[in-house]
Amino acid sequence: MNFTHNAWNTHKREIAGSKGSIDLNRGRGIHEDVGSHRHSLENVVREQFADPQESRDQKKYDKARNLATYLGKIREQYRMDFKSDEDKIRQRAVALYFIDILGIRVGNRKKEGNTSETAGCCSLRKKHLKLYKENNNHVVEFDFLGKGSIRYYNQISVEKIVYSNLQRFLKNKSDEGYVFDRLSTTHLNTYLKTFMDGLTAKVFRTYHACRIMQQELDKFTRAKKHESYKIWYCKKSIKLVAIFLNHQRAVAEKGGNKKFETSLTSAKLYYIDPRIVVAWCTKWCVPIENIYSTSQREKLLWAMTADADFKF
């Protein structure tokens, strides 16, 4: 069976069609024998015109999904490493703790001569943190510019051992000194691969984005609610993910100060497994085009046939 590229593009549009439905019934009677197997039109088309980007996207989310299997062991180990005799291991443990619970980017160190003020976990400097105690809580305050020079500000209560480790790391350092001066992203990612093939710090960010989305959508039980409410609920859940990821965009500038608002696009297209959304929309009869545009559905075609019972 041979398809021209124009025919394939037409077929993609039909698959990503309106009302969230994916109508492949017209091809149900067209099959070819491949060895002892019979493939549906859907599978034949996907095999012959597989988009490398679609394959990479699915693998990215499958890898994040697989992290759940190993996360308990990883957490157990970094908690043990909080008390290591080696500062390098302690730093690795605390950095991984922050990457895990906060979902912040790993942050490569700047090359010599690079004057950028942006930072991530491994490139945090003393000036980016404040440590203080409040009502018997050990508080860490983060304040730095992340990717795109978007400010990341957060205050969290941490375990006493994490707090004391940070005091140890910051001792006798200048404001420009690196918090995790004995740790590199290469070392951290090499270590993570000992738990799971292909695991890097970035996978944690995708994992938590998907986990939050799945948990929020699972809370929905109001089947009789109007369609517009369901659409609002789904978008509200995406916004919670975007807030966790600190995705913002400039919307105005008043008096020389930029104003920002939460941006949903990056979270929706690059961090949330679209199968979570497609499954939920199918279950609750929500038109998928109210969540993803036509062009977005075509880019995410591999996910548009997700079953209603899919769980991340």
C-alpha atoms as a PDB file:
ATOM      1  CA  MET A   1       0.000   0.000   0.000  1.00  0.00           C
ATOM      2  CA  ASN A   2       1.569   3.265  -1.112  1.00  0.00           C
ATOM      3  CA  PHE A   3       0.503   6.722   0.028  1.00  0.00           C
ATOM      4  CA  THR A   4       1.614  10.036  -1.388  1.00  0.00           C
ATOM      5  CA  HIS A   5       2.648  12.684   1.106  1.00  0.00           C
ATOM      6  CA  ASN A   6      -0.480  14.685   0.256  1.00  0.00           C
ATOM      7  CA  ALA A   7      -2.625  11.663   0.998  1.00  0.00           C
ATOM      8  CA  TRP A   8      -0.810  11.197   4.289  1.00  0.00           C
ATOM      9  CA  ASN A   9      -1.389  14.817   5.297  1.00  0.00           C
ATOM     10  CA  THR A  10      -5.091  14.440   4.478  1.00  0.00           C
ATOM     11  CA  HIS A  11      -5.230  11.275   6.565  1.00  0.00           C
ATOM     12  CA  LYS A  12      -3.578  13.045   9.504  1.00  0.00           C
ATOM     13  CA  ARG A  13      -6.177  15.796   9.438  1.00  0.00           C
ATOM     14  CA  GLU A  14      -8.955  13.235   9.461  1.00  0.00           C
ATOM     15  CA  ILE A  15      -7.450  11.424  12.424  1.00  0.00           C
ATOM     16  CA  ALA A  16      -7.066  14.670  14.385  1.00  0.00           C
ATOM     17  CA  GLY A  17     -10.597  15.711  13.461  1.00  0.00           C
ATOM     18  CA  SER A  18     -13.355  17.479  15.292  1.00  0.00           C
ATOM     19  CA  LYS A  19     -15.130  16.615  18.538  1.00  0.00           C
ATOM     20  CA  GLY A  20     -12.089  14.734  19.730  1.00  0.00           C
ATOM     21  CA  SER A  21     -13.029  11.711  17.664  1.00  0.00           C
ATOM     22  CA  ILE A  22     -10.527   9.719  15.681  1.00  0.00           C
ATOM     23  CA  ASP A  23     -12.391   8.115  12.828  1.00  0.00           C
ATOM     24  CA  LEU A  24     -10.425   5.261  11.378  1.00  0.00           C
ATOM     25  CA  ASN A  25     -13.458   3.166  10.552  1.00  0.00           C
ATOM     26  CA  ARG A  26     -13.234   3.966   6.876  1.00  0.00           C
ATOM     27  CA  GLY A  27      -9.995   2.048   6.750  1.00  0.00           C
ATOM     28  CA  ARG A  28     -11.102  -0.936   8.781  1.00  0.00           C
ATOM     29  CA  GLY A  29     -11.684  -3.086   5.733  1.00  0.00           C
ATOM     30  CA  ILE A  30      -8.335  -2.302   4.129  1.00  0.00           C
ATOM     31  CA  HIS A  31      -5.648  -4.645   5.376  1.00  0.00           C
ATOM     32  CA  GLU A  32      -2.450  -6.165   4.118  1.00  0.00           C
ATOM     33  CA  ASP A  33      -0.795  -9.375   5.153  1.00  0.00           C
ATOM     34  CA  VAL A  34       2.656  -8.739   6.584  1.00  0.00           C
ATOM     35  CA  GLY A  35       4.077 -12.128   7.438  1.00  0.00           C
ATOM     36  CA  SER A  36       1.433 -13.840   9.543  1.00  0.00           C
ATOM     37  CA  HIS A  37       0.021 -10.544  10.874  1.00  0.00           C
ATOM     38  CA  ARG A  38      -2.754  -8.315   9.561  1.00  0.00           C
ATOM     39  CA  HIS A  39      -2.280  -4.613  10.159  1.00  0.00           C
ATOM     40  CA  SER A  40      -5.061  -2.051  10.284  1.00  0.00           C
ATOM     41  CA  LEU A  41      -4.837   1.040   8.100  1.00  0.00           C
ATOM     42  CA  GLU A  42      -3.822   3.021  11.171  1.00  0.00           C
ATOM     43  CA  ASN A  43      -0.787   0.848  11.829  1.00  0.00           C
ATOM     44  CA  VAL A  44       0.269   0.631   8.199  1.00  0.00           C
ATOM     45  CA  VAL A  45       0.184   4.410   7.851  1.00  0.00           C
ATOM     46  CA  ARG A  46       2.136   4.897  11.063  1.00  0.00           C
ATOM     47  CA  GLU A  47       4.763   2.371  10.036  1.00  0.00           C
ATOM     48  CA  GLN A  48       5.251   3.813   6.546  1.00  0.00           C
ATOM     49  CA  PHE A  49       5.197   7.487   7.507  1.00  0.00           C
ATOM     50  CA  ALA A  50       6.424   7.476  11.099  1.00  0.00           C
ATOM     51  CA  ASP A  51       7.472  10.951  12.208  1.00  0.00           C
ATOM     52  CA  PRO A  52      10.814  10.796  14.078  1.00  0.00           C
ATOM     53  CA  GLN A  53       9.695  13.697  16.285  1.00  0.00           C
ATOM     54  CA  GLU A  54       6.504  11.861  17.255  1.00  0.00           C
ATOM     55  CA  SER A  55       8.582   8.814  18.156  1.00  0.00           C
ATOM     56  CA  ARG A  56      10.909  10.943  20.295  1.00  0.00           C
ATOM     57  CA  ASP A  57       7.972  12.577  22.043  1.00  0.00           C
ATOM     58  CA  GLN A  58       6.372   9.265  22.940  1.00  0.00           C
ATOM     59  CA  LYS A  59       9.679   7.856  24.179  1.00  0.00           C
ATOM     60  CA  LYS A  60      10.195  10.969  26.315  1.00  0.00           C
ATOM     61  CA  TYR A  61       6.870  10.496  28.080  1.00  0.00           C
ATOM     62  CA  ASP A  62       7.277   6.732  28.365  1.00  0.00           C
ATOM     63  CA  LYS A  63      10.639   7.306  30.030  1.00  0.00           C
ATOM     64  CA  ALA A  64       9.084   9.760  32.497  1.00  0.00           C
ATOM     65  CA  ARG A  65       6.281   7.297  33.130  1.00  0.00           C
ATOM     66  CA  ASN A  66       8.842   4.575  33.803  1.00  0.00           C
ATOM     67  CA  LEU A  67      10.582   6.726  36.430  1.00  0.00           C
ATOM     68  CA  ALA A  68       7.805   5.880  38.891  1.00  0.00           C
ATOM     69  CA  THR A  69       9.209   2.336  39.104  1.00  0.00           C
ATOM     70  CA  TYR A  70      12.590   3.564  40.316  1.00  0.00           C
ATOM     71  CA  LEU A  71      11.682   6.705  42.245  1.00  0.00           C
ATOM     72  CA  GLY A  72      11.304   5.015  45.626  1.00  0.00           C
ATOM     73  CA  LYS A  73      14.817   3.576  45.451  1.00  0.00           C
ATOM     74  CA  ILE A  74      16.287   6.885  44.239  1.00  0.00           C
ATOM     75  CA  ARG A  75      14.680   8.777  47.108  1.00  0.00           C
ATOM     76  CA  GLU A  76      15.775   6.209  49.651  1.00  0.00           C
ATOM     77  CA  GLN A  77      19.358   6.497  48.425  1.00  0.00           C
ATOM     78  CA  TYR A  78      19.597  10.276  48.372  1.00  0.00           C
ATOM     79  CA  ARG A  79      18.175  10.427  51.900  1.00  0.00           C
ATOM     80  CA  MET A  80      20.908   8.054  53.028  1.00  0.00           C
ATOM     81  CA  ASP A  81      23.459  10.201  51.179  1.00  0.00           C
ATOM     82  CA  PHE A  82      22.447  13.306  53.161  1.00  0.00           C
ATOM     83  CA  LYS A  83      24.752  11.893  55.854  1.00  0.00           C
ATOM     84  CA  SER A  84      27.620  10.780  53.615  1.00  0.00           C
ATOM     85  CA  ASP A  85      31.226  11.328  54.698  1.00  0.00           C
ATOM     86  CA  GLU A  86      31.922  12.929  51.315  1.00  0.00           C
ATOM     87  CA  ASP A  87      30.730  16.452  50.596  1.00  0.00           C
ATOM     88  CA  LYS A  88      30.405  15.650  46.890  1.00  0.00           C
ATOM     89  CA  ILE A  89      27.876  12.917  47.649  1.00  0.00           C
ATOM     90  CA  ARG A  90      26.030  15.132  50.122  1.00  0.00           C
ATOM     91  CA  GLN A  91      25.815  17.867  47.486  1.00  0.00           C
ATOM     92  CA  ARG A  92      24.541  15.404  44.914  1.00  0.00           C
ATOM     93  CA  ALA A  93      21.888  14.195  47.358  1.00  0.00           C
ATOM     94  CA  VAL A  94      20.618  17.670  48.252  1.00  0.00           C
ATOM     95  CA  ALA A  95      20.616  18.838  44.614  1.00  0.00           C
ATOM     96  CA  LEU A  96      18.659  15.758  43.587  1.00  0.00           C
ATOM     97  CA  TYR A  97      16.235  16.364  46.460  1.00  0.00           C
ATOM     98  CA  PHE A  98      15.498  19.866  45.101  1.00  0.00           C
ATOM     99  CA  ILE A  99      15.199  18.645  41.514  1.00  0.00           C
ATOM    100  CA  ASP A 100      12.786  15.970  42.699  1.00  0.00           C
ATOM    101  CA  ILE A 101      10.488  17.993  44.948  1.00  0.00           C
ATOM    102  CA  LEU A 102      10.625  21.339  43.117  1.00  0.00           C
ATOM    103  CA  GLY A 103      11.021  20.241  39.514  1.00  0.00           C
ATOM    104  CA  ILE A 104      13.600  22.951  38.849  1.00  0.00           C
ATOM    105  CA  ARG A 105      15.937  22.666  35.886  1.00  0.00           C
ATOM    106  CA  VAL A 106      19.305  21.057  36.482  1.00  0.00           C
ATOM    107  CA  GLY A 107      21.251  24.158  35.339  1.00  0.00           C
ATOM    108  CA  ASN A 108      24.625  23.830  33.642  1.00  0.00           C
ATOM    109  CA  ARG A 109      27.520  25.905  34.922  1.00  0.00           C
ATOM    110  CA  LYS A 110      28.326  28.956  32.788  1.00  0.00           C
ATOM    111  CA  LYS A 111      31.429  28.823  30.627  1.00  0.00           C
ATOM    112  CA  GLU A 112      34.171  31.304  31.408  1.00  0.00           C
ATOM    113  CA  GLY A 113      33.272  34.685  29.960  1.00  0.00           C
ATOM    114  CA  ASN A 114      29.531  34.014  30.006  1.00  0.00           C
ATOM    115  CA  THR A 115      27.954  36.850  31.982  1.00  0.00           C
ATOM    116  CA  SER A 116      24.408  35.457  32.016  1.00  0.00           C
ATOM    117  CA  GLU A 117      22.732  35.691  35.401  1.00  0.00           C
ATOM    118  CA  THR A 118      20.400  32.727  34.796  1.00  0.00           C
ATOM    119  CA  ALA A 119      20.740  29.649  36.973  1.00  0.00           C
ATOM    120  CA  GLY A 120      19.432  26.171  37.630  1.00  0.00           C
ATOM    121  CA  CYS A 121      19.928  23.763  40.491  1.00  0.00           C
ATOM    122  CA  CYS A 122      23.586  22.865  39.904  1.00  0.00           C
ATOM    123  CA  SER A 123      24.515  26.487  39.127  1.00  0.00           C
ATOM    124  CA  LEU A 124      22.833  28.074  42.146  1.00  0.00           C
ATOM    125  CA  ARG A 125      25.040  30.513  44.000  1.00  0.00           C
ATOM    126  CA  LYS A 126      25.006  31.596  47.625  1.00  0.00           C
ATOM    127  CA  LYS A 127      23.212  34.845  46.722  1.00  0.00           C
ATOM    128  CA  HIS A 128      20.286  32.830  45.329  1.00  0.00           C
ATOM    129  CA  LEU A 129      19.426  31.259  48.702  1.00  0.00           C
ATOM    130  CA  LYS A 130      18.384  32.475  52.129  1.00  0.00           C
ATOM    131  CA  LEU A 131      18.192  30.149  55.105  1.00  0.00           C
ATOM    132  CA  TYR A 132      16.161  30.939  58.186  1.00  0.00           C
ATOM    133  CA  LYS A 133      14.036  29.322  60.895  1.00  0.00           C
ATOM    134  CA  GLU A 134      10.377  30.213  61.314  1.00  0.00           C
ATOM    135  CA  ASN A 135       7.982  28.654  63.833  1.00  0.00           C
ATOM    136  CA  ASN A 136      10.313  25.670  64.304  1.00  0.00           C
ATOM    137  CA  ASN A 137      10.469  25.186  60.524  1.00  0.00           C
ATOM    138  CA  HIS A 138      13.725  25.167  58.582  1.00  0.00           C
ATOM    139  CA  VAL A 139      13.052  27.411  55.590  1.00  0.00           C
ATOM    140  CA  VAL A 140      14.949  27.800  52.325  1.00  0.00           C
ATOM    141  CA  GLU A 141      14.123  30.795  50.149  1.00  0.00           C
ATOM    142  CA  PHE A 142      15.027  30.587  46.450  1.00  0.00           C
ATOM    143  CA  ASP A 143      15.317  33.729  44.340  1.00  0.00           C
ATOM    144  CA  PHE A 144      17.060  33.529  40.973  1.00  0.00           C
ATOM    145  CA  LEU A 145      16.547  33.996  37.250  1.00  0.00           C
ATOM    146  CA  GLY A 146      15.770  30.767  35.421  1.00  0.00           C
ATOM    147  CA  LYS A 147      15.573  29.981  31.716  1.00  0.00           C
ATOM    148  CA  GLY A 148      14.539  32.980  29.633  1.00  0.00           C
ATOM    149  CA  SER A 149      15.474  35.243  32.573  1.00  0.00           C
ATOM    150  CA  ILE A 150      12.171  34.387  34.255  1.00  0.00           C
ATOM    151  CA  ARG A 151      12.367  34.904  38.000  1.00  0.00           C
ATOM    152  CA  TYR A 152      12.016  31.826  40.164  1.00  0.00           C
ATOM    153  CA  TYR A 153      10.935  32.625  43.704  1.00  0.00           C
ATOM    154  CA  ASN A 154       9.913  30.032  46.254  1.00  0.00           C
ATOM    155  CA  GLN A 155       9.974  29.394  49.983  1.00  0.00           C
ATOM    156  CA  ILE A 156       9.901  25.837  51.260  1.00  0.00           C
ATOM    157  CA  SER A 157      10.277  24.081  54.584  1.00  0.00           C
ATOM    158  CA  VAL A 158      12.935  21.374  54.474  1.00  0.00           C
ATOM    159  CA  GLU A 159      14.131  18.626  56.740  1.00  0.00           C
ATOM    160  CA  LYS A 160      16.683  19.604  59.345  1.00  0.00           C
ATOM    161  CA  ILE A 161      19.399  17.491  57.685  1.00  0.00           C
ATOM    162  CA  VAL A 162      18.884  19.305  54.351  1.00  0.00           C
ATOM    163  CA  TYR A 163      19.057  22.671  56.115  1.00  0.00           C
ATOM    164  CA  SER A 164      22.250  21.789  57.990  1.00  0.00           C
ATOM    165  CA  ASN A 165      23.822  20.473  54.800  1.00  0.00           C
ATOM    166  CA  LEU A 166      23.109  23.763  53.034  1.00  0.00           C
ATOM    167  CA  GLN A 167      24.697  25.657  55.939  1.00  0.00           C
ATOM    168  CA  ARG A 168      27.726  23.419  55.511  1.00  0.00           C
ATOM    169  CA  PHE A 169      27.893  24.003  51.744  1.00  0.00           C
ATOM    170  CA  LEU A 170      27.606  27.794  52.100  1.00  0.00           C
ATOM    171  CA  LYS A 171      30.144  28.209  54.885  1.00  0.00           C
ATOM    172  CA  ASN A 172      33.006  30.581  53.998  1.00  0.00           C
ATOM    173  CA  LYS A 173      31.684  31.184  50.471  1.00  0.00           C
ATOM    174  CA  SER A 174      31.149  34.564  48.856  1.00  0.00           C
ATOM    175  CA  ASP A 175      27.762  35.541  47.455  1.00  0.00           C
ATOM    176  CA  GLU A 176      29.010  34.452  44.012  1.00  0.00           C
ATOM    177  CA  GLY A 177      30.172  31.052  45.257  1.00  0.00           C
ATOM    178  CA  TYR A 178      28.378  27.982  43.908  1.00  0.00           C
ATOM    179  CA  VAL A 179      26.205  26.146  46.430  1.00  0.00           C
ATOM    180  CA  PHE A 180      27.026  22.788  44.816  1.00  0.00           C
ATOM    181  CA  ASP A 181      30.614  23.559  43.881  1.00  0.00           C
ATOM    182  CA  ARG A 182      31.684  19.887  43.832  1.00  0.00           C
ATOM    183  CA  LEU A 183      28.824  18.761  41.599  1.00  0.00           C
ATOM    184  CA  SER A 184      28.384  18.910  37.817  1.00  0.00           C
ATOM    185  CA  THR A 185      25.348  18.074  35.710  1.00  0.00           C
ATOM    186  CA  THR A 186      27.404  15.412  33.935  1.00  0.00           C
ATOM    187  CA  HIS A 187      28.216  13.697  37.215  1.00  0.00           C
ATOM    188  CA  LEU A 188      24.587  13.911  38.358  1.00  0.00           C
ATOM    189  CA  ASN A 189      23.183  12.467  35.127  1.00  0.00           C
ATOM    190  CA  THR A 190      25.807   9.709  35.020  1.00  0.00           C
ATOM    191  CA  TYR A 191      24.793   8.760  38.560  1.00  0.00           C
ATOM    192  CA  LEU A 192      21.081   8.693  37.664  1.00  0.00           C
ATOM    193  CA  LYS A 193      21.725   6.260  34.815  1.00  0.00           C
ATOM    194  CA  THR A 194      22.864   3.691  37.409  1.00  0.00           C
ATOM    195  CA  PHE A 195      19.204   3.472  38.492  1.00  0.00           C
ATOM    196  CA  MET A 196      17.504   3.519  35.085  1.00  0.00           C
ATOM    197  CA  ASP A 197      18.678   3.513  31.469  1.00  0.00           C
ATOM    198  CA  GLY A 198      18.513   6.968  29.931  1.00  0.00           C
ATOM    199  CA  LEU A 199      17.500   8.692  33.166  1.00  0.00           C
ATOM    200  CA  THR A 200      18.597  12.327  33.494  1.00  0.00           C
ATOM    201  CA  ALA A 201      17.617  15.130  35.836  1.00  0.00           C
ATOM    202  CA  LYS A 202      15.339  16.565  33.131  1.00  0.00           C
ATOM    203  CA  VAL A 203      13.100  13.479  33.296  1.00  0.00           C
ATOM    204  CA  PHE A 204      12.053  14.413  36.842  1.00  0.00           C
ATOM    205  CA  ARG A 205      10.583  17.682  35.575  1.00  0.00           C
ATOM    206  CA  THR A 206       8.511  15.897  32.942  1.00  0.00           C
ATOM    207  CA  TYR A 207       7.487  13.194  35.411  1.00  0.00           C
ATOM    208  CA  HIS A 208       6.156  15.673  37.966  1.00  0.00           C
ATOM    209  CA  ALA A 209       4.325  17.712  35.319  1.00  0.00           C
ATOM    210  CA  CYS A 210       2.519  14.566  34.149  1.00  0.00           C
ATOM    211  CA  ARG A 211       1.882  13.348  37.681  1.00  0.00           C
ATOM    212  CA  ILE A 212       0.282  16.647  38.709  1.00  0.00           C
ATOM    213  CA  MET A 213      -1.911  16.667  35.596  1.00  0.00           C
ATOM    214  CA  GLN A 214      -3.038  13.074  36.125  1.00  0.00           C
ATOM    215  CA  GLN A 215      -3.819  13.669  39.807  1.00  0.00           C
ATOM    216  CA  GLU A 216      -5.798  16.836  39.094  1.00  0.00           C
ATOM    217  CA  LEU A 217      -7.860  15.248  36.334  1.00  0.00           C
ATOM    218  CA  ASP A 218      -8.502  12.182  38.510  1.00  0.00           C
ATOM    219  CA  LYS A 219     -10.219  14.457  41.043  1.00  0.00           C
ATOM    220  CA  PHE A 220     -12.932  15.300  38.519  1.00  0.00           C
ATOM    221  CA  THR A 221     -16.143  13.327  39.087  1.00  0.00           C
ATOM    222  CA  ARG A 222     -18.904  15.686  37.889  1.00  0.00           C
ATOM    223  CA  ALA A 223     -20.136  13.903  34.793  1.00  0.00           C
ATOM    224  CA  LYS A 224     -23.320  16.000  34.594  1.00  0.00           C
ATOM    225  CA  LYS A 225     -21.461  19.298  34.556  1.00  0.00           C
ATOM    226  CA  HIS A 226     -21.778  21.426  31.410  1.00  0.00           C
ATOM    227  CA  GLU A 227     -19.163  20.973  28.701  1.00  0.00           C
ATOM    228  CA  SER A 228     -17.824  24.488  29.275  1.00  0.00           C
ATOM    229  CA  TYR A 229     -17.116  23.625  32.926  1.00  0.00           C
ATOM    230  CA  LYS A 230     -15.211  20.502  31.917  1.00  0.00           C
ATOM    231  CA  ILE A 231     -13.098  22.513  29.469  1.00  0.00           C
ATOM    232  CA  TRP A 232     -12.394  25.082  32.189  1.00  0.00           C
ATOM    233  CA  TYR A 233     -11.434  22.324  34.635  1.00  0.00           C
ATOM    234  CA  CYS A 234      -8.958  20.786  32.181  1.00  0.00           C
ATOM    235  CA  LYS A 235      -7.340  24.145  31.437  1.00  0.00           C
ATOM    236  CA  LYS A 236      -7.199  24.934  35.155  1.00  0.00           C
ATOM    237  CA  SER A 237      -5.298  21.662  35.676  1.00  0.00           C
ATOM    238  CA  ILE A 238      -2.845  22.586  32.918  1.00  0.00           C
ATOM    239  CA  LYS A 239      -2.336  25.948  34.633  1.00  0.00           C
ATOM    240  CA  LEU A 240      -1.400  24.220  37.897  1.00  0.00           C
ATOM    241  CA  VAL A 241       1.288  22.315  36.001  1.00  0.00           C
ATOM    242  CA  ALA A 242       2.538  25.532  34.392  1.00  0.00           C
ATOM    243  CA  ILE A 243       2.760  27.195  37.812  1.00  0.00           C
ATOM    244  CA  PHE A 244       4.777  24.252  39.150  1.00  0.00           C
ATOM    245  CA  LEU A 245       7.131  24.544  36.152  1.00  0.00           C
ATOM    246  CA  ASN A 246       7.336  28.344  36.612  1.00  0.00           C
ATOM    247  CA  HIS A 247       6.231  28.959  33.024  1.00  0.00           C
ATOM    248  CA  GLN A 248       5.520  32.645  32.587  1.00  0.00           C
ATOM    249  CA  ARG A 249       5.357  35.150  29.754  1.00  0.00           C
ATOM    250  CA  ALA A 250       5.583  38.913  29.658  1.00  0.00           C
ATOM    251  CA  VAL A 251       2.222  40.547  28.965  1.00  0.00           C
ATOM    252  CA  ALA A 252       2.799  44.249  29.592  1.00  0.00           C
ATOM    253  CA  GLU A 253       5.299  46.794  30.793  1.00  0.00           C
ATOM    254  CA  LYS A 254       4.173  49.536  33.133  1.00  0.00           C
ATOM    255  CA  GLY A 255       6.464  52.143  34.606  1.00  0.00           C
ATOM    256  CA  GLY A 256       9.502  50.274  33.321  1.00  0.00           C
ATOM    257  CA  ASN A 257       8.481  47.060  35.075  1.00  0.00           C
ATOM    258  CA  LYS A 258       7.502  43.986  33.107  1.00  0.00           C
ATOM    259  CA  LYS A 259       4.346  42.159  34.126  1.00  0.00           C
ATOM    260  CA  PHE A 260       4.115  38.409  33.747  1.00  0.00           C
ATOM    261  CA  GLU A 261       1.346  35.842  33.663  1.00  0.00           C
ATOM    262  CA  THR A 262       1.333  32.057  33.710  1.00  0.00           C
ATOM    263  CA  SER A 263       1.811  30.590  30.245  1.00  0.00           C
ATOM    264  CA  LEU A 264       0.070  27.276  29.508  1.00  0.00           C
ATOM    265  CA  THR A 265       1.468  26.498  26.052  1.00  0.00           C
ATOM    266  CA  SER A 266       4.852  25.010  26.958  1.00  0.00           C
ATOM    267  CA  ALA A 267       3.421  22.866  29.741  1.00  0.00           C
ATOM    268  CA  LYS A 268       0.661  21.574  27.477  1.00  0.00           C
ATOM    269  CA  LEU A 269       2.879  20.794  24.477  1.00  0.00           C
ATOM    270  CA  TYR A 270       6.208  19.769  26.003  1.00  0.00           C
ATOM    271  CA  TYR A 271       5.675  18.540  29.555  1.00  0.00           C
ATOM    272  CA  ILE A 272       2.226  16.972  29.866  1.00  0.00           C
ATOM    273  CA  ASP A 273       1.794  13.571  28.233  1.00  0.00           C
ATOM    274  CA  PRO A 274      -1.062  14.298  25.786  1.00  0.00           C
ATOM    275  CA  ARG A 275      -2.442  10.803  26.327  1.00  0.00           C
ATOM    276  CA  ILE A 276      -3.499  11.913  29.829  1.00  0.00           C
ATOM    277  CA  VAL A 277      -5.605  14.703  28.347  1.00  0.00           C
ATOM    278  CA  VAL A 278      -6.973  12.672  25.421  1.00  0.00           C
ATOM    279  CA  ALA A 279      -8.038   9.858  27.754  1.00  0.00           C
ATOM    280  CA  TRP A 280      -9.790  12.285  30.098  1.00  0.00           C
ATOM    281  CA  CYS A 281     -11.538  14.093  27.244  1.00  0.00           C
ATOM    282  CA  THR A 282     -12.732  10.777  25.840  1.00  0.00           C
ATOM    283  CA  LYS A 283     -14.014   9.636  29.237  1.00  0.00           C
ATOM    284  CA  TRP A 284     -15.941  12.852  29.929  1.00  0.00           C
ATOM    285  CA  CYS A 285     -17.041  13.600  26.326  1.00  0.00           C
ATOM    286  CA  VAL A 286     -14.999  16.779  25.982  1.00  0.00           C
ATOM    287  CA  PRO A 287     -14.185  17.882  22.396  1.00  0.00           C
ATOM    288  CA  ILE A 288     -10.423  17.600  22.101  1.00  0.00           C
ATOM    289  CA  GLU A 289     -10.244  20.648  19.799  1.00  0.00           C
ATOM    290  CA  ASN A 290     -11.179  22.785  22.812  1.00  0.00           C
ATOM    291  CA  ILE A 291      -7.885  21.806  24.403  1.00  0.00           C
ATOM    292  CA  TYR A 292      -5.536  21.317  21.438  1.00  0.00           C
ATOM    293  CA  SER A 293      -5.690  23.314  18.220  1.00  0.00           C
ATOM    294  CA  THR A 294      -5.708  21.596  14.814  1.00  0.00           C
ATOM    295  CA  SER A 295      -1.963  22.110  14.336  1.00  0.00           C
ATOM    296  CA  GLN A 296      -1.271  20.875  17.862  1.00  0.00           C
ATOM    297  CA  ARG A 297      -3.369  17.751  17.315  1.00  0.00           C
ATOM    298  CA  GLU A 298      -1.443  16.957  14.149  1.00  0.00           C
ATOM    299  CA  LYS A 299       1.861  17.335  15.996  1.00  0.00           C
ATOM    300  CA  LEU A 300       0.564  15.044  18.732  1.00  0.00           C
ATOM    301  CA  LEU A 301      -1.072  12.552  16.399  1.00  0.00           C
ATOM    302  CA  TRP A 302       0.607   9.591  18.073  1.00  0.00           C
ATOM    303  CA  ALA A 303      -1.364  10.336  21.264  1.00  0.00           C
ATOM    304  CA  MET A 304      -4.775  11.048  19.738  1.00  0.00           C
ATOM    305  CA  THR A 305      -5.865   7.395  19.868  1.00  0.00           C
ATOM    306  CA  ALA A 306      -5.180   6.964  23.604  1.00  0.00           C
ATOM    307  CA  ASP A 307      -7.759   4.790  25.362  1.00  0.00           C
ATOM    308  CA  ALA A 308     -10.105   6.353  27.897  1.00  0.00           C
ATOM    309  CA  ASP A 309      -8.540   4.241  30.648  1.00  0.00           C
ATOM    310  CA  PHE A 310      -4.949   5.418  30.000  1.00  0.00           C
ATOM    311  CA  LYS A 311      -3.116   6.373  33.187  1.00  0.00           C
ATOM    312  CA  PHE A 312       0.292   7.974  33.397  1.00  0.00           C
END
